[in-house]
Amino acid sequence: MLKPILYALTTSIISASAYAAIPMPDYAVPSKGQQVILNIPQLRLFLFQDGKLIKTYPITVGKASTQTPLGEYKIGAKVANPTWSVPRSIQKEMAASGKAVQKSVPPGPKNPLGPVFVRLGEPRLGLGIHGTNVPSSVPGVRSHGCVRLQSPNALDFAATVQSGADAAVIYQQVSVNIDEQNDIWIAVYRDPYSKRNLNKKLLNQSISSWANQHQQQVDQKRLAAALIKPANTLICLTCSAGKTKVSGTLSSLQWTSGKGELVELKHINTINSQPKQEIAPESSNVEVDEDMDDTSKQDITPLNPTPAVPEKVHSAPEKNIPVNKIPASSDPGFDALL
């Protein structure tokens, strides 16, 4: 049953002493309640609780021909050990590729949904966040539109997220973050859906605004090089040469608006807004577009794969909730792509 699994995972303690600094997207999260953010170019899921980042995982998203749709959603029901009802469109793909056509895949090692499925949005959309039977496929850009996590992470996510929580699928090719010495750090990601919508004018405006307010000098050569060759690696734009360690914690910058100010928490009315858990019967049928995957496909994958363990980002509650802050590390690379 799902409840015992969720309880066991919730009460487990996971070491988080060696996490790399993971850049935050430019998105205002609520001061109360949960918020899920999935940034497509970054190939990463963030889970916030009461304005604080509590979980983050690498993900696999839809490929260019079957993109994971952007927008705002609600987290729906959870299914432990789902049975995959294969859509007719996928059955046709199986037949066209010479594979045996399957109408249903029971729970087990061959099920592409893994050990748990969490609905994303209305059921009619056919979207979900789930595990996988091919761990090496995460992270990447290769699904039919659903979001994959490595199965231990999918179980941990299902144990933590609440049905009814807000979720947003965004497309930000750049993260701009500030450390505790007011230095500016940037990470640039590839453009998997070829949107070519990176607003460099607003990016430069926000970076310049912060630098001017805090007497910092931006290294324009570093910025230009980062934008020319996305590497998913943190680069300091205002540090002295050779500095690779973030000072303290990182806070996200409002660069998409050109403001150059730290992202603030979003205050909302939480009266009667407590979400209720929706747990479907174990082995329930789930019909979503997904692959009977294999490991031979070419996709965007990391040079240094992230271990398949949940990343717990905080250790103890604080009276004052930090504004989109995450732990820092001396490791300048995190899930380095290509």
C-alpha atoms as a PDB file:
ATOM      1  CA  MET A   1       0.000   0.000   0.000  1.00  0.00           C
ATOM      2  CA  LEU A   2       1.059   3.566  -0.608  1.00  0.00           C
ATOM      3  CA  LYS A   3       0.549   4.870   2.947  1.00  0.00           C
ATOM      4  CA  PRO A   4       3.181   2.615   4.594  1.00  0.00           C
ATOM      5  CA  ILE A   5       5.627   3.400   1.791  1.00  0.00           C
ATOM      6  CA  LEU A   6       5.044   7.130   2.215  1.00  0.00           C
ATOM      7  CA  TYR A   7       5.430   6.902   5.982  1.00  0.00           C
ATOM      8  CA  ALA A   8       8.676   4.956   5.745  1.00  0.00           C
ATOM      9  CA  LEU A   9      10.174   7.417   3.288  1.00  0.00           C
ATOM     10  CA  THR A  10       8.999  10.466   5.202  1.00  0.00           C
ATOM     11  CA  THR A  11      10.609   9.280   8.406  1.00  0.00           C
ATOM     12  CA  SER A  12      13.939   8.298   6.807  1.00  0.00           C
ATOM     13  CA  ILE A  13      16.975  10.532   7.339  1.00  0.00           C
ATOM     14  CA  ILE A  14      19.130  11.310   4.298  1.00  0.00           C
ATOM     15  CA  SER A  15      22.578  12.809   4.494  1.00  0.00           C
ATOM     16  CA  ALA A  16      22.957  16.074   2.551  1.00  0.00           C
ATOM     17  CA  SER A  17      26.431  17.187   3.544  1.00  0.00           C
ATOM     18  CA  ALA A  18      27.980  17.308   0.079  1.00  0.00           C
ATOM     19  CA  TYR A  19      25.368  18.906  -2.168  1.00  0.00           C
ATOM     20  CA  ALA A  20      26.494  21.171  -4.960  1.00  0.00           C
ATOM     21  CA  ALA A  21      25.004  24.657  -5.127  1.00  0.00           C
ATOM     22  CA  ILE A  22      21.931  24.342  -7.311  1.00  0.00           C
ATOM     23  CA  PRO A  23      20.778  27.592  -8.960  1.00  0.00           C
ATOM     24  CA  MET A  24      17.210  28.650  -8.343  1.00  0.00           C
ATOM     25  CA  PRO A  25      14.822  29.810 -11.067  1.00  0.00           C
ATOM     26  CA  ASP A  26      13.242  33.256 -11.092  1.00  0.00           C
ATOM     27  CA  TYR A  27       9.854  32.319  -9.636  1.00  0.00           C
ATOM     28  CA  ALA A  28       7.990  33.716  -6.610  1.00  0.00           C
ATOM     29  CA  VAL A  29       6.841  30.867  -4.383  1.00  0.00           C
ATOM     30  CA  PRO A  30       4.115  31.189  -1.716  1.00  0.00           C
ATOM     31  CA  SER A  31       5.039  31.904   1.889  1.00  0.00           C
ATOM     32  CA  LYS A  32       2.573  29.216   2.993  1.00  0.00           C
ATOM     33  CA  GLY A  33       1.849  25.864   1.472  1.00  0.00           C
ATOM     34  CA  GLN A  34       3.654  23.840  -1.176  1.00  0.00           C
ATOM     35  CA  GLN A  35       4.912  24.799  -4.624  1.00  0.00           C
ATOM     36  CA  VAL A  36       6.398  22.519  -7.259  1.00  0.00           C
ATOM     37  CA  ILE A  37       8.525  24.062 -10.025  1.00  0.00           C
ATOM     38  CA  LEU A  38       9.845  22.138 -13.016  1.00  0.00           C
ATOM     39  CA  ASN A  39      12.353  24.058 -15.147  1.00  0.00           C
ATOM     40  CA  ILE A  40      12.614  22.323 -18.535  1.00  0.00           C
ATOM     41  CA  PRO A  41      16.058  23.594 -19.695  1.00  0.00           C
ATOM     42  CA  GLN A  42      17.546  22.981 -16.238  1.00  0.00           C
ATOM     43  CA  LEU A  43      16.101  19.436 -16.125  1.00  0.00           C
ATOM     44  CA  ARG A  44      15.264  19.881 -12.472  1.00  0.00           C
ATOM     45  CA  LEU A  45      12.275  19.736 -10.136  1.00  0.00           C
ATOM     46  CA  PHE A  46      12.056  21.947  -7.043  1.00  0.00           C
ATOM     47  CA  LEU A  47       9.654  21.405  -4.143  1.00  0.00           C
ATOM     48  CA  PHE A  48       9.017  24.247  -1.677  1.00  0.00           C
ATOM     49  CA  GLN A  49       7.241  24.184   1.661  1.00  0.00           C
ATOM     50  CA  ASP A  50       6.203  27.505   3.238  1.00  0.00           C
ATOM     51  CA  GLY A  51       8.639  29.415   1.058  1.00  0.00           C
ATOM     52  CA  LYS A  52      11.593  27.132   1.777  1.00  0.00           C
ATOM     53  CA  LEU A  53      13.201  24.730  -0.672  1.00  0.00           C
ATOM     54  CA  ILE A  54      12.954  21.240   0.828  1.00  0.00           C
ATOM     55  CA  LYS A  55      13.556  18.891  -2.123  1.00  0.00           C
ATOM     56  CA  THR A  56      15.135  19.032  -5.552  1.00  0.00           C
ATOM     57  CA  TYR A  57      15.657  16.280  -8.115  1.00  0.00           C
ATOM     58  CA  PRO A  58      17.011  15.834 -11.648  1.00  0.00           C
ATOM     59  CA  ILE A  59      14.267  15.003 -14.142  1.00  0.00           C
ATOM     60  CA  THR A  60      13.605  13.786 -17.649  1.00  0.00           C
ATOM     61  CA  VAL A  61      11.101  15.781 -19.701  1.00  0.00           C
ATOM     62  CA  GLY A  62       9.361  15.409 -23.041  1.00  0.00           C
ATOM     63  CA  LYS A  63      11.431  15.402 -26.196  1.00  0.00           C
ATOM     64  CA  ALA A  64      11.061  18.195 -28.761  1.00  0.00           C
ATOM     65  CA  SER A  65       8.349  16.339 -30.705  1.00  0.00           C
ATOM     66  CA  THR A  66       6.345  15.511 -27.561  1.00  0.00           C
ATOM     67  CA  GLN A  67       7.105  18.438 -25.268  1.00  0.00           C
ATOM     68  CA  THR A  68       6.130  18.664 -21.631  1.00  0.00           C
ATOM     69  CA  PRO A  69       3.575  21.508 -21.785  1.00  0.00           C
ATOM     70  CA  LEU A  70       4.366  24.701 -19.917  1.00  0.00           C
ATOM     71  CA  GLY A  71       1.855  26.209 -17.527  1.00  0.00           C
ATOM     72  CA  GLU A  72       0.407  26.115 -14.034  1.00  0.00           C
ATOM     73  CA  TYR A  73      -1.137  22.943 -12.635  1.00  0.00           C
ATOM     74  CA  LYS A  74      -2.262  21.217  -9.451  1.00  0.00           C
ATOM     75  CA  ILE A  75      -0.761  18.039  -8.062  1.00  0.00           C
ATOM     76  CA  GLY A  76      -3.393  15.303  -8.246  1.00  0.00           C
ATOM     77  CA  ALA A  77      -3.828  11.742  -7.067  1.00  0.00           C
ATOM     78  CA  LYS A  78      -0.989   9.331  -6.305  1.00  0.00           C
ATOM     79  CA  VAL A  79      -0.869   5.697  -7.389  1.00  0.00           C
ATOM     80  CA  ALA A  80       1.507   3.115  -5.924  1.00  0.00           C
ATOM     81  CA  ASN A  81       2.666   0.386  -8.324  1.00  0.00           C
ATOM     82  CA  PRO A  82       0.555   1.731 -11.203  1.00  0.00           C
ATOM     83  CA  THR A  83      -0.668  -0.409 -14.074  1.00  0.00           C
ATOM     84  CA  TRP A  84       0.149   1.345 -17.342  1.00  0.00           C
ATOM     85  CA  SER A  85      -2.748   1.363 -19.791  1.00  0.00           C
ATOM     86  CA  VAL A  86      -0.957   1.873 -23.093  1.00  0.00           C
ATOM     87  CA  PRO A  87      -2.631   4.595 -25.222  1.00  0.00           C
ATOM     88  CA  ARG A  88      -3.521   3.640 -28.792  1.00  0.00           C
ATOM     89  CA  SER A  89      -1.006   6.122 -30.143  1.00  0.00           C
ATOM     90  CA  ILE A  90       1.793   4.326 -28.301  1.00  0.00           C
ATOM     91  CA  GLN A  91       0.439   0.955 -29.436  1.00  0.00           C
ATOM     92  CA  LYS A  92       0.732   2.181 -33.025  1.00  0.00           C
ATOM     93  CA  GLU A  93       4.325   3.256 -32.375  1.00  0.00           C
ATOM     94  CA  MET A  94       5.084  -0.212 -30.983  1.00  0.00           C
ATOM     95  CA  ALA A  95       3.647  -1.840 -34.096  1.00  0.00           C
ATOM     96  CA  ALA A  96       5.487   0.541 -36.436  1.00  0.00           C
ATOM     97  CA  SER A  97       8.820  -0.194 -34.750  1.00  0.00           C
ATOM     98  CA  GLY A  98       8.306  -3.948 -34.907  1.00  0.00           C
ATOM     99  CA  LYS A  99       7.754  -4.382 -31.186  1.00  0.00           C
ATOM    100  CA  ALA A 100       5.067  -6.584 -29.675  1.00  0.00           C
ATOM    101  CA  VAL A 101       1.981  -4.449 -29.089  1.00  0.00           C
ATOM    102  CA  GLN A 102       0.960  -4.254 -25.448  1.00  0.00           C
ATOM    103  CA  LYS A 103      -2.343  -2.857 -24.263  1.00  0.00           C
ATOM    104  CA  SER A 104      -1.438  -2.928 -20.580  1.00  0.00           C
ATOM    105  CA  VAL A 105       1.732  -3.282 -18.507  1.00  0.00           C
ATOM    106  CA  PRO A 106       1.303  -4.552 -14.935  1.00  0.00           C
ATOM    107  CA  PRO A 107       3.368  -3.315 -11.985  1.00  0.00           C
ATOM    108  CA  GLY A 108       6.896  -4.639 -11.978  1.00  0.00           C
ATOM    109  CA  PRO A 109      10.388  -4.169 -13.415  1.00  0.00           C
ATOM    110  CA  LYS A 110       9.126  -3.680 -16.999  1.00  0.00           C
ATOM    111  CA  ASN A 111       6.654  -0.920 -16.166  1.00  0.00           C
ATOM    112  CA  PRO A 112       7.919   2.442 -17.515  1.00  0.00           C
ATOM    113  CA  LEU A 113       6.010   4.334 -14.794  1.00  0.00           C
ATOM    114  CA  GLY A 114       8.138   2.777 -12.069  1.00  0.00           C
ATOM    115  CA  PRO A 115       6.822   2.236  -8.527  1.00  0.00           C
ATOM    116  CA  VAL A 116       4.697   5.380  -8.208  1.00  0.00           C
ATOM    117  CA  PHE A 117       2.744   7.860 -10.334  1.00  0.00           C
ATOM    118  CA  VAL A 118       1.738  11.386  -9.257  1.00  0.00           C
ATOM    119  CA  ARG A 119      -0.857  13.108 -11.403  1.00  0.00           C
ATOM    120  CA  LEU A 120       0.097  16.542 -12.797  1.00  0.00           C
ATOM    121  CA  GLY A 121      -2.972  18.577 -13.714  1.00  0.00           C
ATOM    122  CA  GLU A 122      -6.351  17.247 -14.797  1.00  0.00           C
ATOM    123  CA  PRO A 123      -6.493  13.558 -15.803  1.00  0.00           C
ATOM    124  CA  ARG A 124      -7.636  14.551 -19.301  1.00  0.00           C
ATOM    125  CA  LEU A 125      -4.198  16.112 -19.876  1.00  0.00           C
ATOM    126  CA  GLY A 126      -2.491  12.749 -19.472  1.00  0.00           C
ATOM    127  CA  LEU A 127       0.441  14.199 -17.520  1.00  0.00           C
ATOM    128  CA  GLY A 128       2.248  12.864 -14.499  1.00  0.00           C
ATOM    129  CA  ILE A 129       5.448  12.744 -12.479  1.00  0.00           C
ATOM    130  CA  HIS A 130       6.626   9.175 -12.010  1.00  0.00           C
ATOM    131  CA  GLY A 131       9.496   6.753 -11.648  1.00  0.00           C
ATOM    132  CA  THR A 132      11.133   4.716 -14.405  1.00  0.00           C
ATOM    133  CA  ASN A 133      12.373   1.236 -15.178  1.00  0.00           C
ATOM    134  CA  VAL A 134      15.435   2.730 -16.914  1.00  0.00           C
ATOM    135  CA  PRO A 135      17.360   4.763 -14.284  1.00  0.00           C
ATOM    136  CA  SER A 136      19.992   5.853 -16.811  1.00  0.00           C
ATOM    137  CA  SER A 137      17.320   7.780 -18.741  1.00  0.00           C
ATOM    138  CA  VAL A 138      17.225  10.436 -16.004  1.00  0.00           C
ATOM    139  CA  PRO A 139      18.009  13.264 -16.461  1.00  0.00           C
ATOM    140  CA  GLY A 140      17.259  13.814 -20.116  1.00  0.00           C
ATOM    141  CA  VAL A 141      14.957  15.064 -22.862  1.00  0.00           C
ATOM    142  CA  ARG A 142      13.268  11.940 -24.199  1.00  0.00           C
ATOM    143  CA  SER A 143       9.783  11.212 -22.805  1.00  0.00           C
ATOM    144  CA  HIS A 144       6.359  11.515 -24.435  1.00  0.00           C
ATOM    145  CA  GLY A 145       5.569  14.507 -22.200  1.00  0.00           C
ATOM    146  CA  CYS A 146       5.454  13.128 -18.676  1.00  0.00           C
ATOM    147  CA  VAL A 147       8.159  13.934 -16.147  1.00  0.00           C
ATOM    148  CA  ARG A 148      10.415  11.109 -14.965  1.00  0.00           C
ATOM    149  CA  LEU A 149      12.439  10.832 -11.805  1.00  0.00           C
ATOM    150  CA  GLN A 150      14.716   8.020 -10.817  1.00  0.00           C
ATOM    151  CA  SER A 151      12.477   5.679  -8.847  1.00  0.00           C
ATOM    152  CA  PRO A 152      13.881   6.346  -5.332  1.00  0.00           C
ATOM    153  CA  ASN A 153      13.392  10.055  -5.977  1.00  0.00           C
ATOM    154  CA  ALA A 154       9.874   9.466  -7.319  1.00  0.00           C
ATOM    155  CA  LEU A 155       8.954   7.609  -4.127  1.00  0.00           C
ATOM    156  CA  ASP A 156      10.466  10.368  -1.991  1.00  0.00           C
ATOM    157  CA  PHE A 157       8.639  13.051  -3.977  1.00  0.00           C
ATOM    158  CA  ALA A 158       5.315  11.206  -3.659  1.00  0.00           C
ATOM    159  CA  ALA A 159       5.888  10.873   0.080  1.00  0.00           C
ATOM    160  CA  THR A 160       6.438  14.610   0.472  1.00  0.00           C
ATOM    161  CA  VAL A 161       4.215  16.407  -2.015  1.00  0.00           C
ATOM    162  CA  GLN A 162       0.555  17.036  -1.231  1.00  0.00           C
ATOM    163  CA  SER A 163      -2.339  16.540  -3.595  1.00  0.00           C
ATOM    164  CA  GLY A 164      -3.690  19.970  -4.474  1.00  0.00           C
ATOM    165  CA  ALA A 165      -0.296  21.660  -4.252  1.00  0.00           C
ATOM    166  CA  ASP A 166       0.479  24.251  -6.911  1.00  0.00           C
ATOM    167  CA  ALA A 167       2.851  23.225  -9.688  1.00  0.00           C
ATOM    168  CA  ALA A 168       4.424  25.211 -12.501  1.00  0.00           C
ATOM    169  CA  VAL A 169       6.277  24.009 -15.585  1.00  0.00           C
ATOM    170  CA  ILE A 170       8.562  26.833 -16.716  1.00  0.00           C
ATOM    171  CA  TYR A 171      11.175  27.409 -19.393  1.00  0.00           C
ATOM    172  CA  GLN A 172      14.122  29.482 -18.149  1.00  0.00           C
ATOM    173  CA  GLN A 173      17.412  28.989 -19.972  1.00  0.00           C
ATOM    174  CA  VAL A 174      19.340  30.999 -17.379  1.00  0.00           C
ATOM    175  CA  SER A 175      19.517  31.098 -13.590  1.00  0.00           C
ATOM    176  CA  VAL A 176      20.952  34.227 -11.956  1.00  0.00           C
ATOM    177  CA  ASN A 177      21.715  33.899  -8.261  1.00  0.00           C
ATOM    178  CA  ILE A 178      23.375  36.029  -5.584  1.00  0.00           C
ATOM    179  CA  ASP A 179      25.592  34.721  -2.775  1.00  0.00           C
ATOM    180  CA  GLU A 180      26.077  36.228   0.679  1.00  0.00           C
ATOM    181  CA  GLN A 181      28.892  38.499  -0.516  1.00  0.00           C
ATOM    182  CA  ASN A 182      26.538  39.942  -3.156  1.00  0.00           C
ATOM    183  CA  ASP A 183      28.484  38.250  -5.946  1.00  0.00           C
ATOM    184  CA  ILE A 184      26.498  37.322  -9.051  1.00  0.00           C
ATOM    185  CA  TRP A 185      26.479  33.694 -10.200  1.00  0.00           C
ATOM    186  CA  ILE A 186      24.995  32.530 -13.481  1.00  0.00           C
ATOM    187  CA  ALA A 187      24.178  29.135 -14.984  1.00  0.00           C
ATOM    188  CA  VAL A 188      23.137  28.809 -18.614  1.00  0.00           C
ATOM    189  CA  TYR A 189      21.267  25.775 -19.970  1.00  0.00           C
ATOM    190  CA  ARG A 190      20.674  24.385 -23.423  1.00  0.00           C
ATOM    191  CA  ASP A 191      17.476  25.169 -25.337  1.00  0.00           C
ATOM    192  CA  PRO A 192      15.971  21.666 -25.804  1.00  0.00           C
ATOM    193  CA  TYR A 193      12.763  22.903 -27.446  1.00  0.00           C
ATOM    194  CA  SER A 194      14.578  25.467 -29.648  1.00  0.00           C
ATOM    195  CA  LYS A 195      12.433  28.308 -28.339  1.00  0.00           C
ATOM    196  CA  ARG A 196      15.218  30.880 -28.776  1.00  0.00           C
ATOM    197  CA  ASN A 197      13.362  33.149 -26.355  1.00  0.00           C
ATOM    198  CA  LEU A 198      16.149  34.122 -23.982  1.00  0.00           C
ATOM    199  CA  ASN A 199      15.734  37.869 -23.388  1.00  0.00           C
ATOM    200  CA  LYS A 200      19.340  39.000 -23.165  1.00  0.00           C
ATOM    201  CA  LYS A 201      18.325  42.644 -22.805  1.00  0.00           C
ATOM    202  CA  LEU A 202      16.450  41.976 -19.552  1.00  0.00           C
ATOM    203  CA  LEU A 203      19.196  39.615 -18.413  1.00  0.00           C
ATOM    204  CA  ASN A 204      21.909  42.238 -18.848  1.00  0.00           C
ATOM    205  CA  GLN A 205      19.695  44.926 -17.356  1.00  0.00           C
ATOM    206  CA  SER A 206      19.067  42.961 -14.158  1.00  0.00           C
ATOM    207  CA  ILE A 207      22.721  41.934 -13.772  1.00  0.00           C
ATOM    208  CA  SER A 208      23.896  45.523 -14.291  1.00  0.00           C
ATOM    209  CA  SER A 209      21.281  46.843 -11.879  1.00  0.00           C
ATOM    210  CA  TRP A 210      22.400  44.530  -9.073  1.00  0.00           C
ATOM    211  CA  ALA A 211      26.082  45.187  -9.741  1.00  0.00           C
ATOM    212  CA  ASN A 212      25.604  48.953  -9.677  1.00  0.00           C
ATOM    213  CA  GLN A 213      23.607  48.854  -6.440  1.00  0.00           C
ATOM    214  CA  HIS A 214      26.263  46.757  -4.672  1.00  0.00           C
ATOM    215  CA  GLN A 215      29.468  48.228  -6.126  1.00  0.00           C
ATOM    216  CA  GLN A 216      30.288  45.076  -8.110  1.00  0.00           C
ATOM    217  CA  GLN A 217      32.120  44.840 -11.421  1.00  0.00           C
ATOM    218  CA  VAL A 218      30.681  42.402 -13.966  1.00  0.00           C
ATOM    219  CA  ASP A 219      33.156  40.437 -16.077  1.00  0.00           C
ATOM    220  CA  GLN A 220      31.503  40.845 -19.481  1.00  0.00           C
ATOM    221  CA  LYS A 221      33.796  38.280 -21.111  1.00  0.00           C
ATOM    222  CA  ARG A 222      32.671  35.594 -18.669  1.00  0.00           C
ATOM    223  CA  LEU A 223      29.037  36.504 -19.274  1.00  0.00           C
ATOM    224  CA  ALA A 224      29.422  36.420 -23.053  1.00  0.00           C
ATOM    225  CA  ALA A 225      31.269  33.087 -22.935  1.00  0.00           C
ATOM    226  CA  ALA A 226      28.582  31.542 -20.716  1.00  0.00           C
ATOM    227  CA  LEU A 227      25.815  32.619 -23.081  1.00  0.00           C
ATOM    228  CA  ILE A 228      27.653  31.365 -26.167  1.00  0.00           C
ATOM    229  CA  LYS A 229      28.299  27.892 -24.773  1.00  0.00           C
ATOM    230  CA  PRO A 230      25.685  26.739 -22.232  1.00  0.00           C
ATOM    231  CA  ALA A 231      27.308  24.347 -19.763  1.00  0.00           C
ATOM    232  CA  ASN A 232      24.865  24.055 -16.838  1.00  0.00           C
ATOM    233  CA  THR A 233      27.745  25.145 -14.616  1.00  0.00           C
ATOM    234  CA  LEU A 234      27.796  27.929 -12.049  1.00  0.00           C
ATOM    235  CA  ILE A 235      30.002  30.831 -13.135  1.00  0.00           C
ATOM    236  CA  CYS A 236      30.719  33.876 -10.993  1.00  0.00           C
ATOM    237  CA  LEU A 237      30.437  37.132 -12.946  1.00  0.00           C
ATOM    238  CA  THR A 238      31.781  39.432 -10.241  1.00  0.00           C
ATOM    239  CA  CYS A 239      34.312  37.305  -8.357  1.00  0.00           C
ATOM    240  CA  SER A 240      38.056  37.657  -8.584  1.00  0.00           C
ATOM    241  CA  ALA A 241      39.791  35.277 -10.992  1.00  0.00           C
ATOM    242  CA  GLY A 242      39.928  31.710  -9.788  1.00  0.00           C
ATOM    243  CA  LYS A 243      37.097  31.864  -7.275  1.00  0.00           C
ATOM    244  CA  THR A 244      34.811  28.845  -7.648  1.00  0.00           C
ATOM    245  CA  LYS A 245      33.238  28.591  -4.200  1.00  0.00           C
ATOM    246  CA  VAL A 246      29.910  30.193  -3.445  1.00  0.00           C
ATOM    247  CA  SER A 247      29.913  32.275  -0.257  1.00  0.00           C
ATOM    248  CA  GLY A 248      27.193  31.062   2.071  1.00  0.00           C
ATOM    249  CA  THR A 249      23.845  30.539   0.382  1.00  0.00           C
ATOM    250  CA  LEU A 250      22.408  31.509  -2.979  1.00  0.00           C
ATOM    251  CA  SER A 251      19.298  33.645  -3.559  1.00  0.00           C
ATOM    252  CA  SER A 252      17.554  33.947  -6.919  1.00  0.00           C
ATOM    253  CA  LEU A 253      17.469  37.244  -8.809  1.00  0.00           C
ATOM    254  CA  GLN A 254      14.461  38.669 -10.665  1.00  0.00           C
ATOM    255  CA  TRP A 255      16.174  38.711 -14.026  1.00  0.00           C
ATOM    256  CA  THR A 256      13.187  37.883 -16.279  1.00  0.00           C
ATOM    257  CA  SER A 257      11.668  41.285 -15.447  1.00  0.00           C
ATOM    258  CA  GLY A 258      14.952  43.169 -15.614  1.00  0.00           C
ATOM    259  CA  LYS A 259      14.508  44.406 -12.026  1.00  0.00           C
ATOM    260  CA  GLY A 260      17.747  43.081 -10.619  1.00  0.00           C
ATOM    261  CA  GLU A 261      16.222  42.487  -7.176  1.00  0.00           C
ATOM    262  CA  LEU A 262      15.966  39.325  -5.124  1.00  0.00           C
ATOM    263  CA  VAL A 263      12.895  37.180  -5.688  1.00  0.00           C
ATOM    264  CA  GLU A 264      10.402  37.716  -2.869  1.00  0.00           C
ATOM    265  CA  LEU A 265       7.934  35.293  -1.344  1.00  0.00           C
ATOM    266  CA  LYS A 266       4.349  35.449  -2.579  1.00  0.00           C
ATOM    267  CA  HIS A 267       1.853  36.045   0.220  1.00  0.00           C
ATOM    268  CA  ILE A 268      -1.508  34.376  -0.325  1.00  0.00           C
ATOM    269  CA  ASN A 269      -4.697  33.784   1.633  1.00  0.00           C
ATOM    270  CA  THR A 270      -4.402  30.275   3.047  1.00  0.00           C
ATOM    271  CA  ILE A 271      -7.829  30.124   4.759  1.00  0.00           C
ATOM    272  CA  ASN A 272      -9.550  26.824   3.891  1.00  0.00           C
ATOM    273  CA  SER A 273      -6.835  26.068   1.364  1.00  0.00           C
ATOM    274  CA  GLN A 274      -5.312  23.013   3.048  1.00  0.00           C
ATOM    275  CA  PRO A 275      -4.934  20.435   0.277  1.00  0.00           C
ATOM    276  CA  LYS A 276      -6.266  16.922   0.784  1.00  0.00           C
ATOM    277  CA  GLN A 277      -4.260  13.852  -0.091  1.00  0.00           C
ATOM    278  CA  GLU A 278      -5.622  11.858  -3.015  1.00  0.00           C
ATOM    279  CA  ILE A 279      -4.351   8.304  -2.946  1.00  0.00           C
ATOM    280  CA  ALA A 280      -5.768   5.994  -5.600  1.00  0.00           C
ATOM    281  CA  PRO A 281      -5.985   2.248  -5.014  1.00  0.00           C
ATOM    282  CA  GLU A 282      -2.699   0.442  -5.515  1.00  0.00           C
ATOM    283  CA  SER A 283      -2.101  -0.902  -9.048  1.00  0.00           C
ATOM    284  CA  SER A 284      -4.775   1.404 -10.488  1.00  0.00           C
ATOM    285  CA  ASN A 285      -4.746   1.850 -14.262  1.00  0.00           C
ATOM    286  CA  VAL A 286      -2.968   4.958 -15.491  1.00  0.00           C
ATOM    287  CA  GLU A 287      -3.204   5.910 -19.162  1.00  0.00           C
ATOM    288  CA  VAL A 288      -0.485   8.362 -20.159  1.00  0.00           C
ATOM    289  CA  ASP A 289       1.853   8.751 -23.102  1.00  0.00           C
ATOM    290  CA  GLU A 290       5.180   7.175 -22.149  1.00  0.00           C
ATOM    291  CA  ASP A 291       7.914   5.087 -23.724  1.00  0.00           C
ATOM    292  CA  MET A 292       8.866   1.472 -23.340  1.00  0.00           C
ATOM    293  CA  ASP A 293      12.315   2.963 -22.957  1.00  0.00           C
ATOM    294  CA  ASP A 294      15.784   1.622 -23.574  1.00  0.00           C
ATOM    295  CA  THR A 295      19.282   2.964 -22.972  1.00  0.00           C
ATOM    296  CA  SER A 296      20.406   3.398 -26.575  1.00  0.00           C
ATOM    297  CA  LYS A 297      18.701   6.711 -27.342  1.00  0.00           C
ATOM    298  CA  GLN A 298      20.670   9.898 -27.784  1.00  0.00           C
ATOM    299  CA  ASP A 299      19.563  12.646 -25.445  1.00  0.00           C
ATOM    300  CA  ILE A 300      20.793  15.368 -23.120  1.00  0.00           C
ATOM    301  CA  THR A 301      22.423  13.509 -20.244  1.00  0.00           C
ATOM    302  CA  PRO A 302      24.930  14.517 -17.574  1.00  0.00           C
ATOM    303  CA  LEU A 303      28.648  13.885 -17.669  1.00  0.00           C
ATOM    304  CA  ASN A 304      28.495  13.191 -13.940  1.00  0.00           C
ATOM    305  CA  PRO A 305      25.106  11.593 -13.232  1.00  0.00           C
ATOM    306  CA  THR A 306      23.377  12.594 -10.019  1.00  0.00           C
ATOM    307  CA  PRO A 307      23.111   9.716  -7.511  1.00  0.00           C
ATOM    308  CA  ALA A 308      19.608   8.270  -7.296  1.00  0.00           C
ATOM    309  CA  VAL A 309      18.971   9.525  -3.761  1.00  0.00           C
ATOM    310  CA  PRO A 310      16.615  12.293  -2.708  1.00  0.00           C
ATOM    311  CA  GLU A 311      18.273  15.627  -2.074  1.00  0.00           C
ATOM    312  CA  LYS A 312      17.168  17.031   1.263  1.00  0.00           C
ATOM    313  CA  VAL A 313      18.041  20.704   1.215  1.00  0.00           C
ATOM    314  CA  HIS A 314      17.385  21.838   4.759  1.00  0.00           C
ATOM    315  CA  SER A 315      18.161  20.431   8.147  1.00  0.00           C
ATOM    316  CA  ALA A 316      16.077  22.310  10.706  1.00  0.00           C
ATOM    317  CA  PRO A 317      13.162  24.762  10.686  1.00  0.00           C
ATOM    318  CA  GLU A 318      13.981  28.446  10.971  1.00  0.00           C
ATOM    319  CA  LYS A 319      11.917  31.256  12.408  1.00  0.00           C
ATOM    320  CA  ASN A 320      12.684  33.538   9.513  1.00  0.00           C
ATOM    321  CA  ILE A 321      12.102  31.840   6.183  1.00  0.00           C
ATOM    322  CA  PRO A 322      14.962  32.606   3.775  1.00  0.00           C
ATOM    323  CA  VAL A 323      14.034  33.992   0.394  1.00  0.00           C
ATOM    324  CA  ASN A 324      14.728  31.197  -2.117  1.00  0.00           C
ATOM    325  CA  LYS A 325      18.029  30.238  -0.489  1.00  0.00           C
ATOM    326  CA  ILE A 326      19.845  26.948  -0.972  1.00  0.00           C
ATOM    327  CA  PRO A 327      22.972  25.445   0.563  1.00  0.00           C
ATOM    328  CA  ALA A 328      26.280  26.217  -1.078  1.00  0.00           C
ATOM    329  CA  SER A 329      29.126  23.865  -1.916  1.00  0.00           C
ATOM    330  CA  SER A 330      32.706  24.164  -3.045  1.00  0.00           C
ATOM    331  CA  ASP A 331      31.802  22.027  -6.060  1.00  0.00           C
ATOM    332  CA  PRO A 332      31.350  24.453  -8.989  1.00  0.00           C
ATOM    333  CA  GLY A 333      29.657  21.828 -11.170  1.00  0.00           C
ATOM    334  CA  PHE A 334      26.248  20.270 -10.614  1.00  0.00           C
ATOM    335  CA  ASP A 335      24.735  17.724 -13.018  1.00  0.00           C
ATOM    336  CA  ALA A 336      27.106  19.137 -15.669  1.00  0.00           C
ATOM    337  CA  LEU A 337      25.568  18.656 -19.109  1.00  0.00           C
ATOM    338  CA  LEU A 338      27.482  17.887 -22.279  1.00  0.00           C
END
